[in-house]
Structures are given as C-alpha cells and as structure tokens.
Amino acid sequence: MLQQREQRGKSGGCHNWEFHVHALSKSGMSRAEYCRRHNLSARALGYRQKKLRFLKANPSQLVAVMIPTKDPAQTFDAPASLHLLLPGNLSIAVGDRFSPQTLSRLLATLEGR
C-alpha cells in the first residue's frame, strides 16, 4: 500500500488524499465539484492524483546492502557529512568515516533496480 501523508486543505483540517483520489474517481463528479463539496483545494487534489499515479507506476523497493566493518565498535550515530536524496523518498546519509567502495556498490545496486 502506498505510504500516506496527510496534508492540510482549505479548511485547515487534515485530509487522507489517497481516499479522496479514489472517492473522486468513483463519484462521477468533476474534480472542481468534488472539491467544493468536500472543502478541498482542486489544485492539491490534482497534484495528489498525479503523485499517486506515479507511485503506483513506479513502486519503490528496498534493497538489502551488507556493509562490512573493520571495527565492530564503530557506531553510525555520528552526524552525516553528506546526504543524497533519491527519487521515491529514498536518502543515503554518509558519515566522515565511509568506505568509497561500499558507497559505489550501493549506488550501483540502486541504479540497477
């Protein structure tokens, strides 16, 4: 199932956008009419329709990556000095003591999925 985020509409209340996108398609109403009746922004609902269509067409998959460490006491709670933001709400945080070979393998794995 798609990860759902709630956003605020004109009324200031929270809306389950996936629910509204589905309900609109079943309603037979135009987007403008549906939004007027439910006090929603037609622009925001249109954005969510496109986003949900994209997410359904491009589902993200998690890839298991083994990271060998030389020091078993090494911790990963140090602040990351580099953040890579990838499509599909994926991100990679790289600390100061990273292995370039491991990062290269991780990126190659993500590119091949």
Protein backbone atom coordinates (compact mmCIF):
# COMPACT_ATOMS: atom_id res chain seq x y z
CA MET A 1 0.00 0.00 0.00
CA LEU A 2 1.19 3.50 -0.68
CA GLN A 3 2.70 5.44 2.12
CA GLN A 4 0.13 8.04 3.02
CA ARG A 5 0.84 11.56 4.13
CA GLU A 6 -1.84 13.88 5.32
CA GLN A 7 -1.88 17.46 4.11
CA ARG A 8 -3.94 20.44 5.15
CA GLY A 9 -6.71 21.65 2.83
CA LYS A 10 -8.51 24.99 2.68
CA SER A 11 -10.41 24.20 5.86
CA GLY A 12 -7.19 23.67 7.83
CA GLY A 13 -8.19 20.08 8.63
CA CYS A 14 -6.23 17.00 7.67
CA HIS A 15 -7.22 15.02 4.59
CA ASN A 16 -6.43 11.48 3.51
CA TRP A 17 -5.57 12.29 -0.09
CA GLU A 18 -5.49 8.68 -1.30
CA PHE A 19 -9.06 8.27 -0.03
CA HIS A 20 -10.20 11.44 -1.83
CA VAL A 21 -8.50 10.47 -5.10
CA HIS A 22 -10.27 7.10 -5.00
CA ALA A 23 -13.61 8.64 -3.96
CA LEU A 24 -13.39 11.22 -6.76
CA SER A 25 -12.89 8.51 -9.38
CA LYS A 26 -15.99 6.66 -8.09
CA SER A 27 -18.15 9.80 -7.69
CA GLY A 28 -18.69 10.71 -11.33
CA MET A 29 -18.20 14.38 -10.38
CA SER A 30 -15.69 16.78 -11.83
CA ARG A 31 -12.67 17.49 -9.66
CA ALA A 32 -13.87 21.06 -9.09
CA GLU A 33 -17.33 19.92 -7.97
CA TYR A 34 -15.92 17.19 -5.70
CA CYS A 35 -13.52 19.65 -4.09
CA ARG A 36 -16.26 22.24 -3.50
CA ARG A 37 -18.43 19.62 -1.76
CA HIS A 38 -15.55 18.40 0.43
CA ASN A 39 -13.89 21.77 1.02
CA LEU A 40 -10.65 20.72 -0.71
CA SER A 41 -8.21 22.54 -2.94
CA ALA A 42 -8.72 21.34 -6.53
CA ARG A 43 -5.06 22.07 -7.24
CA ALA A 44 -3.91 19.98 -4.26
CA LEU A 45 -6.18 17.08 -5.23
CA GLY A 46 -4.91 17.22 -8.82
CA TYR A 47 -1.34 17.12 -7.53
CA ARG A 48 -2.17 14.08 -5.38
CA GLN A 49 -3.81 12.31 -8.32
CA LYS A 50 -0.64 12.70 -10.37
CA LYS A 51 1.60 11.71 -7.48
CA LEU A 52 -0.40 8.56 -6.67
CA ARG A 53 -0.44 7.56 -10.36
CA PHE A 54 3.35 7.96 -10.44
CA LEU A 55 3.87 5.99 -7.22
CA LYS A 56 1.67 3.14 -8.45
CA ALA A 57 3.57 3.03 -11.75
CA ASN A 58 6.99 3.23 -10.01
CA PRO A 59 6.80 1.31 -6.73
CA SER A 60 9.91 1.65 -4.62
CA GLN A 61 11.65 -1.45 -3.39
CA LEU A 62 14.07 -1.80 -0.53
CA VAL A 63 17.42 -3.31 -1.37
CA ALA A 64 19.38 -5.15 1.32
CA VAL A 65 23.00 -3.98 1.43
CA MET A 66 25.65 -5.63 3.55
CA ILE A 67 28.24 -3.19 4.87
CA PRO A 68 31.39 -4.86 6.15
CA THR A 69 33.02 -3.08 9.06
CA LYS A 70 36.57 -3.46 10.24
CA ASP A 71 35.82 -2.06 13.67
CA PRO A 72 32.91 -3.84 15.44
CA ALA A 73 32.66 -0.94 17.90
CA GLN A 74 32.05 1.51 15.05
CA THR A 75 28.83 3.43 15.59
CA PHE A 76 26.59 5.04 12.98
CA ASP A 77 25.08 7.72 15.20
CA ALA A 78 27.65 10.36 14.22
CA PRO A 79 26.24 13.22 12.15
CA ALA A 80 26.36 12.62 8.42
CA SER A 81 28.50 14.98 6.40
CA LEU A 82 26.78 14.10 3.09
CA HIS A 83 23.10 13.44 2.34
CA LEU A 84 21.98 12.03 -1.01
CA LEU A 85 18.28 12.46 -1.75
CA LEU A 86 16.97 9.99 -4.31
CA PRO A 87 13.60 9.68 -6.07
CA GLY A 88 10.92 7.79 -4.20
CA ASN A 89 11.68 9.28 -0.77
CA LEU A 90 15.00 7.43 -0.53
CA SER A 91 18.00 9.02 1.08
CA ILE A 92 21.54 7.97 1.91
CA ALA A 93 23.46 9.57 4.77
CA VAL A 94 27.24 9.28 4.56
CA GLY A 95 29.43 10.00 7.57
CA ASP A 96 33.05 11.11 7.67
CA ARG A 97 34.36 7.54 8.01
CA PHE A 98 32.75 5.90 4.99
CA SER A 99 34.06 3.36 2.54
CA PRO A 100 34.12 4.68 -1.04
CA GLN A 101 33.94 1.10 -2.35
CA THR A 102 30.82 0.36 -0.29
CA LEU A 103 29.14 3.58 -1.41
CA SER A 104 30.00 2.75 -5.03
CA ARG A 105 28.46 -0.74 -4.67
CA LEU A 106 25.35 0.73 -3.02
CA LEU A 107 24.84 3.26 -5.83
CA ALA A 108 25.39 0.59 -8.49
CA THR A 109 22.80 -1.62 -6.79
CA LEU A 110 20.27 1.22 -6.66
CA GLU A 111 20.87 2.13 -10.31
CA GLY A 112 20.29 -1.49 -11.36
CA ARG A 113 16.94 -1.99 -9.66
